[in-house]
Amino acid sequence: MRHSELWERMDQHLGAGYAPVWADQQVLSELDGRTVSEALDAGEAPKTVWRAVWEALDLPQSER
């Protein structure tokens, strides 16, 4: 997964205006207590980040 696909999916589920805010503020235990933005800045793979987002948003299996 590329960074652009991660952001497209986040925009789809959270809205283009809210996705970046959520990414900067929501701390996820699946990302070792980091936000999406912090995890990506630290070099975490977008696929790993998306799985954490997917779980946090309780999205259907088909969205994984």
N, C-alpha and C. Protein backbone atom coordinates (compact mmCIF):
# COMPACT_ATOMS: atom_id res chain seq x y z
N MET A 1 0.84 -1.17 0.00
CA MET A 1 0.00 0.00 0.00
C MET A 1 0.90 1.24 0.00
N ARG A 2 0.49 2.20 -0.77
CA ARG A 2 1.21 3.49 -0.83
C ARG A 2 0.57 4.49 0.14
N HIS A 3 1.32 5.53 0.44
CA HIS A 3 0.80 6.58 1.31
C HIS A 3 -0.47 7.18 0.72
N SER A 4 -0.49 7.37 -0.59
CA SER A 4 -1.66 7.98 -1.23
C SER A 4 -2.90 7.11 -1.06
N GLU A 5 -2.75 5.80 -1.12
CA GLU A 5 -3.90 4.91 -0.92
C GLU A 5 -4.40 4.96 0.52
N LEU A 6 -3.48 5.02 1.46
CA LEU A 6 -3.86 5.16 2.86
C LEU A 6 -4.71 6.41 3.06
N TRP A 7 -4.25 7.54 2.53
CA TRP A 7 -4.98 8.80 2.70
C TRP A 7 -6.31 8.77 1.95
N GLU A 8 -6.37 8.13 0.79
CA GLU A 8 -7.63 8.00 0.08
C GLU A 8 -8.65 7.23 0.91
N ARG A 9 -8.20 6.14 1.51
CA ARG A 9 -9.10 5.34 2.35
C ARG A 9 -9.54 6.12 3.58
N MET A 10 -8.62 6.83 4.19
CA MET A 10 -8.99 7.62 5.37
C MET A 10 -9.98 8.71 4.99
N ASP A 11 -9.75 9.36 3.85
CA ASP A 11 -10.69 10.39 3.37
C ASP A 11 -12.07 9.79 3.13
N GLN A 12 -12.10 8.59 2.57
CA GLN A 12 -13.35 7.92 2.27
C GLN A 12 -14.16 7.65 3.54
N HIS A 13 -13.48 7.24 4.60
CA HIS A 13 -14.19 6.84 5.82
C HIS A 13 -14.37 7.98 6.82
N LEU A 14 -13.51 8.96 6.78
CA LEU A 14 -13.58 10.05 7.75
C LEU A 14 -13.94 11.40 7.14
N GLY A 15 -13.82 11.50 5.83
CA GLY A 15 -14.03 12.78 5.16
C GLY A 15 -12.70 13.48 4.97
N ALA A 16 -12.57 14.15 3.83
CA ALA A 16 -11.30 14.79 3.48
C ALA A 16 -10.89 15.87 4.47
N GLY A 17 -11.86 16.54 5.07
CA GLY A 17 -11.53 17.59 6.03
C GLY A 17 -11.14 17.05 7.39
N TYR A 18 -11.74 15.94 7.79
CA TYR A 18 -11.51 15.42 9.14
C TYR A 18 -10.36 14.42 9.21
N ALA A 19 -10.08 13.70 8.12
CA ALA A 19 -9.05 12.66 8.15
C ALA A 19 -7.69 13.17 8.65
N PRO A 20 -7.20 14.32 8.15
CA PRO A 20 -5.89 14.78 8.66
C PRO A 20 -5.93 15.18 10.14
N VAL A 21 -7.06 15.72 10.57
CA VAL A 21 -7.20 16.10 11.99
C VAL A 21 -7.17 14.83 12.85
N TRP A 22 -7.94 13.84 12.44
CA TRP A 22 -7.99 12.57 13.17
C TRP A 22 -6.60 11.93 13.21
N ALA A 23 -5.90 11.98 12.06
CA ALA A 23 -4.56 11.39 11.97
C ALA A 23 -3.56 12.07 12.90
N ASP A 24 -3.77 13.34 13.16
CA ASP A 24 -2.86 14.09 14.04
C ASP A 24 -3.22 13.96 15.52
N GLN A 25 -4.48 13.60 15.83
CA GLN A 25 -4.92 13.65 17.22
C GLN A 25 -5.25 12.31 17.85
N GLN A 26 -5.66 11.34 17.05
CA GLN A 26 -6.10 10.06 17.61
C GLN A 26 -4.90 9.14 17.87
N VAL A 27 -4.66 8.84 19.12
CA VAL A 27 -3.57 7.94 19.52
C VAL A 27 -4.09 6.51 19.45
N LEU A 28 -3.34 5.65 18.78
CA LEU A 28 -3.75 4.26 18.59
C LEU A 28 -2.79 3.32 19.29
N SER A 29 -3.32 2.47 20.13
CA SER A 29 -2.47 1.51 20.84
C SER A 29 -1.79 0.56 19.86
N GLU A 30 -2.46 0.25 18.74
CA GLU A 30 -1.89 -0.65 17.73
C GLU A 30 -0.64 -0.05 17.07
N LEU A 31 -0.48 1.26 17.22
CA LEU A 31 0.70 1.94 16.68
C LEU A 31 1.65 2.34 17.81
N ASP A 32 1.65 1.55 18.86
CA ASP A 32 2.52 1.78 20.02
C ASP A 32 2.28 3.14 20.66
N GLY A 33 1.00 3.52 20.74
CA GLY A 33 0.65 4.77 21.40
C GLY A 33 0.98 6.01 20.60
N ARG A 34 1.06 5.85 19.29
CA ARG A 34 1.34 6.99 18.42
C ARG A 34 0.10 7.32 17.60
N THR A 35 0.09 8.51 17.04
CA THR A 35 -0.95 8.87 16.09
C THR A 35 -0.56 8.34 14.71
N VAL A 36 -1.49 8.39 13.79
CA VAL A 36 -1.21 7.99 12.41
C VAL A 36 -0.05 8.81 11.86
N SER A 37 -0.11 10.11 12.06
CA SER A 37 0.94 10.99 11.54
C SER A 37 2.30 10.67 12.15
N GLU A 38 2.33 10.44 13.44
CA GLU A 38 3.60 10.10 14.10
C GLU A 38 4.14 8.78 13.60
N ALA A 39 3.27 7.80 13.42
CA ALA A 39 3.71 6.49 12.93
C ALA A 39 4.28 6.60 11.52
N LEU A 40 3.60 7.33 10.66
CA LEU A 40 4.09 7.50 9.29
C LEU A 40 5.41 8.26 9.27
N ASP A 41 5.51 9.30 10.08
CA ASP A 41 6.76 10.08 10.15
C ASP A 41 7.92 9.23 10.66
N ALA A 42 7.60 8.23 11.50
CA ALA A 42 8.64 7.35 12.04
C ALA A 42 9.01 6.23 11.08
N GLY A 43 8.34 6.19 9.93
CA GLY A 43 8.68 5.19 8.93
C GLY A 43 7.83 3.93 8.94
N GLU A 44 6.76 3.94 9.71
CA GLU A 44 5.87 2.78 9.74
C GLU A 44 5.23 2.60 8.35
N ALA A 45 5.08 1.38 7.94
CA ALA A 45 4.51 1.08 6.62
C ALA A 45 3.05 1.51 6.57
N PRO A 46 2.62 2.13 5.48
CA PRO A 46 1.21 2.53 5.36
C PRO A 46 0.23 1.38 5.57
N LYS A 47 0.59 0.19 5.13
CA LYS A 47 -0.29 -0.97 5.31
C LYS A 47 -0.49 -1.27 6.79
N THR A 48 0.56 -1.19 7.58
CA THR A 48 0.47 -1.40 9.02
C THR A 48 -0.40 -0.32 9.66
N VAL A 49 -0.20 0.91 9.23
CA VAL A 49 -0.98 2.03 9.76
C VAL A 49 -2.46 1.84 9.39
N TRP A 50 -2.73 1.45 8.14
CA TRP A 50 -4.11 1.26 7.74
C TRP A 50 -4.78 0.17 8.58
N ARG A 51 -4.10 -0.91 8.87
CA ARG A 51 -4.69 -1.96 9.70
C ARG A 51 -5.07 -1.43 11.08
N ALA A 52 -4.25 -0.56 11.63
CA ALA A 52 -4.57 0.05 12.93
C ALA A 52 -5.78 0.97 12.81
N VAL A 53 -5.82 1.74 11.74
CA VAL A 53 -6.96 2.63 11.50
C VAL A 53 -8.23 1.80 11.31
N TRP A 54 -8.12 0.77 10.50
CA TRP A 54 -9.24 -0.12 10.22
C TRP A 54 -9.83 -0.67 11.51
N GLU A 55 -8.95 -1.10 12.40
CA GLU A 55 -9.41 -1.65 13.67
C GLU A 55 -10.02 -0.58 14.56
N ALA A 56 -9.40 0.58 14.62
CA ALA A 56 -9.89 1.66 15.48
C ALA A 56 -11.27 2.15 15.03
N LEU A 57 -11.50 2.15 13.72
CA LEU A 57 -12.78 2.61 13.19
C LEU A 57 -13.83 1.50 13.14
N ASP A 58 -13.41 0.29 13.49
CA ASP A 58 -14.30 -0.87 13.48
C ASP A 58 -14.99 -1.04 12.12
N LEU A 59 -14.15 -1.01 11.08
CA LEU A 59 -14.64 -1.14 9.71
C LEU A 59 -14.87 -2.61 9.37
N PRO A 60 -15.71 -2.87 8.37
CA PRO A 60 -15.95 -4.26 7.98
C PRO A 60 -14.69 -4.94 7.42
N GLN A 61 -14.67 -6.24 7.50
CA GLN A 61 -13.54 -7.02 7.02
C GLN A 61 -13.21 -6.70 5.56
N SER A 62 -14.22 -6.41 4.77
CA SER A 62 -14.01 -6.13 3.35
C SER A 62 -13.17 -4.87 3.11
N GLU A 63 -13.06 -4.02 4.11
CA GLU A 63 -12.28 -2.78 3.99
C GLU A 63 -10.82 -2.96 4.40
N ARG A 64 -10.48 -4.13 4.90
CA ARG A 64 -9.13 -4.35 5.39
C ARG A 64 -8.17 -4.37 4.25
